Every structure is written in structure tokens, then in C-alpha cells.
Amino acid sequence: MQLSRAFTSLSEEPIKFGLSPRDPTPASTIFNGKTTYLLDRSKQSVYSEFIRRTNMQLPAFVRLLCGETSTDRRPKKHIDVPTQHPAWKNYIFISQ
């Protein structure tokens, strides 16, 4: 849930500067029977221009990507174990 919130925030920030990705690039292509994974050049271009226009340093951009806030600095909060969820109640290795 936190990860999707981080990406939503990251996708909204460039829009404030009039930037938005064009058509999305396919995630992969198959050539001679081999799958090749591709970068989304459109998104890369938008984020690069966003960083230039805002003079944002790379660490600040990574914090934005990870969904860090001034009140919650944990960069990997999206991989926290949801111990409050009822399904974890009987998990025997929870203390490890």
C-alpha cells in the first residue's frame, strides 16, 4: 500500500511542472526467442527533466521514489511485515 502511494506521489510531482510521460514503453520485447527488458524512455525523460527543473539532488529524488516523508523516514516501509494482520497471529517465526 505504501509503495503504490509513493509511485502516485512520484507520478503527480512532474505534472506540477507541466511534465507527463508520452505513450508508455513496452516492458520487454522478444528478439530471436530471447526476452529483452526495456527501460521506459518516456518516463526516464520526464523524470530527468523534472530533476533538472527542480534542481533536485539524486538523494532527494530517491526519497521521493521511496515515499519517505519528514515524519516517516523509513525508506523500505513497503516491505514491513504486517504483524497486526490477523493472518500473522499464528506465525511461529514472528519473533525471529
N, C-alpha and C. Protein backbone atom coordinates (compact mmCIF):
# COMPACT_ATOMS: atom_id res chain seq x y z
N MET A 1 0.82 -1.18 0.00
CA MET A 1 0.00 0.00 0.00
C MET A 1 0.87 1.26 0.00
N GLN A 2 1.90 1.29 0.81
CA GLN A 2 2.79 2.44 0.87
C GLN A 2 3.53 2.63 -0.46
N LEU A 3 3.93 1.52 -1.09
CA LEU A 3 4.66 1.61 -2.34
C LEU A 3 3.81 2.27 -3.41
N SER A 4 2.55 1.86 -3.52
CA SER A 4 1.68 2.47 -4.53
C SER A 4 1.48 3.95 -4.23
N ARG A 5 1.43 4.32 -2.95
CA ARG A 5 1.30 5.73 -2.57
C ARG A 5 2.55 6.50 -3.00
N ALA A 6 3.73 5.89 -2.87
CA ALA A 6 4.97 6.54 -3.28
C ALA A 6 4.97 6.79 -4.78
N PHE A 7 4.55 5.80 -5.56
CA PHE A 7 4.54 5.96 -7.00
C PHE A 7 3.48 6.97 -7.43
N THR A 8 2.36 7.01 -6.73
CA THR A 8 1.34 8.01 -7.03
C THR A 8 1.92 9.39 -6.80
N SER A 9 2.59 9.58 -5.68
CA SER A 9 3.21 10.86 -5.37
C SER A 9 4.26 11.21 -6.42
N LEU A 10 5.08 10.24 -6.78
CA LEU A 10 6.13 10.48 -7.76
C LEU A 10 5.53 10.82 -9.12
N SER A 11 4.44 10.18 -9.50
CA SER A 11 3.84 10.47 -10.80
C SER A 11 3.12 11.82 -10.80
N GLU A 12 2.69 12.30 -9.63
CA GLU A 12 2.00 13.58 -9.55
C GLU A 12 2.96 14.77 -9.54
N GLU A 13 4.14 14.60 -9.00
CA GLU A 13 5.08 15.73 -8.88
C GLU A 13 5.46 16.33 -10.23
N PRO A 14 5.85 15.54 -11.25
CA PRO A 14 6.21 16.16 -12.53
C PRO A 14 5.05 16.91 -13.18
N ILE A 15 3.81 16.47 -12.93
CA ILE A 15 2.65 17.14 -13.51
C ILE A 15 2.57 18.58 -13.03
N LYS A 16 3.01 18.84 -11.79
CA LYS A 16 3.01 20.20 -11.26
C LYS A 16 3.90 21.13 -12.08
N PHE A 17 4.86 20.54 -12.83
CA PHE A 17 5.78 21.31 -13.66
C PHE A 17 5.45 21.18 -15.14
N GLY A 18 4.24 20.69 -15.44
CA GLY A 18 3.80 20.56 -16.83
C GLY A 18 4.43 19.40 -17.56
N LEU A 19 4.90 18.40 -16.83
CA LEU A 19 5.54 17.25 -17.45
C LEU A 19 4.68 16.01 -17.27
N SER A 20 4.56 15.24 -18.32
CA SER A 20 3.89 13.94 -18.20
C SER A 20 4.42 13.02 -19.28
N PRO A 21 4.57 11.74 -18.96
CA PRO A 21 5.11 10.80 -19.95
C PRO A 21 4.18 10.68 -21.15
N ARG A 22 4.80 10.48 -22.32
CA ARG A 22 4.02 10.19 -23.52
C ARG A 22 3.55 8.75 -23.42
N ASP A 23 3.42 8.10 -24.52
CA ASP A 23 3.00 6.70 -24.52
C ASP A 23 4.01 5.85 -23.77
N PRO A 24 3.53 4.93 -22.94
CA PRO A 24 4.46 4.07 -22.19
C PRO A 24 5.23 3.13 -23.12
N THR A 25 6.46 2.87 -22.75
CA THR A 25 7.31 1.94 -23.49
C THR A 25 6.96 0.53 -23.05
N PRO A 26 6.95 -0.43 -23.98
CA PRO A 26 6.73 -1.82 -23.55
C PRO A 26 7.80 -2.25 -22.56
N ALA A 27 7.44 -3.09 -21.61
CA ALA A 27 8.39 -3.53 -20.58
C ALA A 27 9.44 -4.47 -21.14
N SER A 28 9.09 -5.21 -22.19
CA SER A 28 10.05 -6.16 -22.76
C SER A 28 9.71 -6.40 -24.22
N THR A 29 10.66 -6.99 -24.91
CA THR A 29 10.48 -7.39 -26.30
C THR A 29 11.13 -8.75 -26.49
N ILE A 30 10.66 -9.49 -27.46
CA ILE A 30 11.25 -10.80 -27.75
C ILE A 30 11.93 -10.71 -29.10
N PHE A 31 13.22 -11.03 -29.13
CA PHE A 31 14.02 -10.99 -30.35
C PHE A 31 14.79 -12.29 -30.45
N ASN A 32 14.62 -13.01 -31.53
CA ASN A 32 15.26 -14.32 -31.72
C ASN A 32 14.97 -15.27 -30.56
N GLY A 33 13.75 -15.22 -30.05
CA GLY A 33 13.35 -16.12 -28.97
C GLY A 33 13.87 -15.74 -27.59
N LYS A 34 14.55 -14.61 -27.48
CA LYS A 34 15.07 -14.17 -26.18
C LYS A 34 14.33 -12.91 -25.74
N THR A 35 13.98 -12.88 -24.47
CA THR A 35 13.30 -11.72 -23.92
C THR A 35 14.33 -10.67 -23.53
N THR A 36 14.12 -9.47 -23.99
CA THR A 36 14.97 -8.34 -23.63
C THR A 36 14.09 -7.33 -22.90
N TYR A 37 14.52 -6.92 -21.71
CA TYR A 37 13.76 -5.96 -20.91
C TYR A 37 14.20 -4.55 -21.28
N LEU A 38 13.24 -3.67 -21.38
CA LEU A 38 13.48 -2.32 -21.87
C LEU A 38 13.23 -1.28 -20.78
N LEU A 39 13.98 -0.18 -20.87
CA LEU A 39 13.73 0.97 -20.00
C LEU A 39 12.56 1.76 -20.57
N ASP A 40 11.77 2.33 -19.72
CA ASP A 40 10.69 3.21 -20.17
C ASP A 40 11.32 4.57 -20.45
N ARG A 41 11.74 4.78 -21.70
CA ARG A 41 12.46 6.00 -22.07
C ARG A 41 11.60 7.25 -21.89
N SER A 42 10.31 7.11 -22.09
CA SER A 42 9.41 8.25 -21.91
C SER A 42 9.41 8.70 -20.45
N LYS A 43 9.25 7.75 -19.55
CA LYS A 43 9.25 8.06 -18.12
C LYS A 43 10.63 8.57 -17.69
N GLN A 44 11.69 7.96 -18.22
CA GLN A 44 13.05 8.39 -17.90
C GLN A 44 13.24 9.86 -18.30
N SER A 45 12.75 10.21 -19.47
CA SER A 45 12.88 11.58 -19.96
C SER A 45 12.13 12.56 -19.06
N VAL A 46 10.92 12.20 -18.65
CA VAL A 46 10.12 13.08 -17.78
C VAL A 46 10.80 13.26 -16.43
N TYR A 47 11.26 12.17 -15.83
CA TYR A 47 11.91 12.27 -14.52
C TYR A 47 13.21 13.05 -14.61
N SER A 48 13.95 12.86 -15.69
CA SER A 48 15.20 13.59 -15.87
C SER A 48 14.93 15.09 -15.99
N GLU A 49 13.94 15.45 -16.78
CA GLU A 49 13.58 16.87 -16.92
C GLU A 49 13.04 17.43 -15.61
N PHE A 50 12.26 16.65 -14.87
CA PHE A 50 11.75 17.06 -13.56
C PHE A 50 12.90 17.38 -12.62
N ILE A 51 13.90 16.50 -12.58
CA ILE A 51 15.06 16.72 -11.71
C ILE A 51 15.80 17.99 -12.12
N ARG A 52 15.96 18.22 -13.43
CA ARG A 52 16.64 19.43 -13.89
C ARG A 52 15.85 20.69 -13.53
N ARG A 53 14.55 20.68 -13.76
CA ARG A 53 13.74 21.87 -13.49
C ARG A 53 13.65 22.21 -12.01
N THR A 54 13.66 21.19 -11.17
CA THR A 54 13.53 21.44 -9.73
C THR A 54 14.88 21.57 -9.04
N ASN A 55 15.97 21.32 -9.76
CA ASN A 55 17.31 21.28 -9.18
C ASN A 55 17.38 20.29 -8.02
N MET A 56 16.58 19.23 -8.11
CA MET A 56 16.53 18.22 -7.06
C MET A 56 17.79 17.36 -7.12
N GLN A 57 18.39 17.13 -5.97
CA GLN A 57 19.54 16.24 -5.88
C GLN A 57 19.05 14.79 -5.92
N LEU A 58 19.91 13.89 -6.38
CA LEU A 58 19.54 12.49 -6.51
C LEU A 58 19.02 11.89 -5.20
N PRO A 59 19.67 12.13 -4.05
CA PRO A 59 19.14 11.57 -2.80
C PRO A 59 17.70 12.01 -2.51
N ALA A 60 17.37 13.26 -2.82
CA ALA A 60 16.01 13.74 -2.60
C ALA A 60 15.03 13.05 -3.54
N PHE A 61 15.46 12.81 -4.79
CA PHE A 61 14.60 12.10 -5.74
C PHE A 61 14.37 10.66 -5.29
N VAL A 62 15.39 10.01 -4.78
CA VAL A 62 15.25 8.64 -4.29
C VAL A 62 14.30 8.61 -3.09
N ARG A 63 14.40 9.61 -2.21
CA ARG A 63 13.47 9.68 -1.08
C ARG A 63 12.03 9.84 -1.57
N LEU A 64 11.84 10.65 -2.61
CA LEU A 64 10.51 10.81 -3.20
C LEU A 64 10.04 9.48 -3.78
N LEU A 65 10.91 8.79 -4.48
CA LEU A 65 10.59 7.49 -5.06
C LEU A 65 10.21 6.48 -3.99
N CYS A 66 10.92 6.50 -2.87
CA CYS A 66 10.67 5.54 -1.79
C CYS A 66 9.50 5.94 -0.90
N GLY A 67 8.95 7.12 -1.12
CA GLY A 67 7.80 7.55 -0.34
C GLY A 67 8.14 8.06 1.04
N GLU A 68 9.39 8.46 1.24
CA GLU A 68 9.77 9.00 2.55
C GLU A 68 9.11 10.35 2.76
N THR A 69 8.77 10.63 3.99
CA THR A 69 8.23 11.94 4.36
C THR A 69 9.03 12.46 5.54
N SER A 70 8.79 13.70 5.90
CA SER A 70 9.53 14.27 7.03
C SER A 70 9.15 13.58 8.34
N THR A 71 7.95 13.00 8.40
CA THR A 71 7.52 12.32 9.62
C THR A 71 7.82 10.82 9.61
N ASP A 72 8.09 10.25 8.44
CA ASP A 72 8.38 8.82 8.34
C ASP A 72 9.54 8.63 7.37
N ARG A 73 10.75 8.48 7.91
CA ARG A 73 11.96 8.42 7.09
C ARG A 73 12.35 7.00 6.68
N ARG A 74 11.54 5.99 7.03
CA ARG A 74 11.90 4.62 6.67
C ARG A 74 11.79 4.42 5.16
N PRO A 75 12.90 4.14 4.48
CA PRO A 75 12.86 4.05 3.02
C PRO A 75 12.19 2.79 2.50
N LYS A 76 12.13 1.74 3.28
CA LYS A 76 11.58 0.48 2.77
C LYS A 76 10.33 0.08 3.54
N LYS A 77 9.52 1.04 3.87
CA LYS A 77 8.33 0.75 4.67
C LYS A 77 7.34 -0.14 3.93
N HIS A 78 7.42 -0.20 2.60
CA HIS A 78 6.51 -1.04 1.85
C HIS A 78 6.81 -2.53 2.00
N ILE A 79 7.96 -2.87 2.59
CA ILE A 79 8.25 -4.29 2.82
C ILE A 79 8.15 -4.67 4.29
N ASP A 80 7.57 -3.79 5.09
CA ASP A 80 7.34 -4.11 6.50
C ASP A 80 6.41 -5.32 6.62
N VAL A 81 6.68 -6.16 7.59
CA VAL A 81 5.81 -7.30 7.87
C VAL A 81 4.57 -6.78 8.59
N PRO A 82 3.39 -7.03 8.06
CA PRO A 82 2.17 -6.51 8.69
C PRO A 82 1.74 -7.36 9.88
N THR A 83 2.50 -7.29 10.97
CA THR A 83 2.25 -8.16 12.13
C THR A 83 0.89 -7.91 12.78
N GLN A 84 0.29 -6.77 12.54
CA GLN A 84 -1.03 -6.52 13.12
C GLN A 84 -2.13 -7.26 12.36
N HIS A 85 -1.83 -7.79 11.18
CA HIS A 85 -2.83 -8.50 10.38
C HIS A 85 -3.14 -9.85 11.03
N PRO A 86 -4.40 -10.24 11.10
CA PRO A 86 -4.79 -11.50 11.76
C PRO A 86 -4.09 -12.74 11.20
N ALA A 87 -3.71 -12.72 9.93
CA ALA A 87 -3.05 -13.88 9.33
C ALA A 87 -1.70 -14.17 9.98
N TRP A 88 -1.07 -13.16 10.58
CA TRP A 88 0.24 -13.33 11.21
C TRP A 88 0.14 -13.83 12.65
N LYS A 89 -1.04 -13.91 13.18
CA LYS A 89 -1.24 -14.25 14.58
C LYS A 89 -0.59 -15.57 14.97
N ASN A 90 -0.67 -16.58 14.12
CA ASN A 90 -0.15 -17.91 14.44
C ASN A 90 1.18 -18.22 13.76
N TYR A 91 1.84 -17.23 13.19
CA TYR A 91 3.12 -17.47 12.51
C TYR A 91 4.19 -17.74 13.56
N ILE A 92 4.80 -18.94 13.48
CA ILE A 92 5.71 -19.37 14.56
C ILE A 92 7.06 -18.67 14.54
N PHE A 93 7.47 -18.11 13.41
CA PHE A 93 8.79 -17.49 13.33
C PHE A 93 8.74 -15.97 13.48
N ILE A 94 7.64 -15.44 13.95
CA ILE A 94 7.46 -13.99 14.03
C ILE A 94 8.49 -13.31 14.93
N SER A 95 8.99 -14.00 15.93
CA SER A 95 9.95 -13.39 16.85
C SER A 95 11.37 -13.37 16.29
N GLN A 96 11.61 -14.03 15.17
CA GLN A 96 12.97 -14.09 14.62
C GLN A 96 13.25 -12.97 13.69
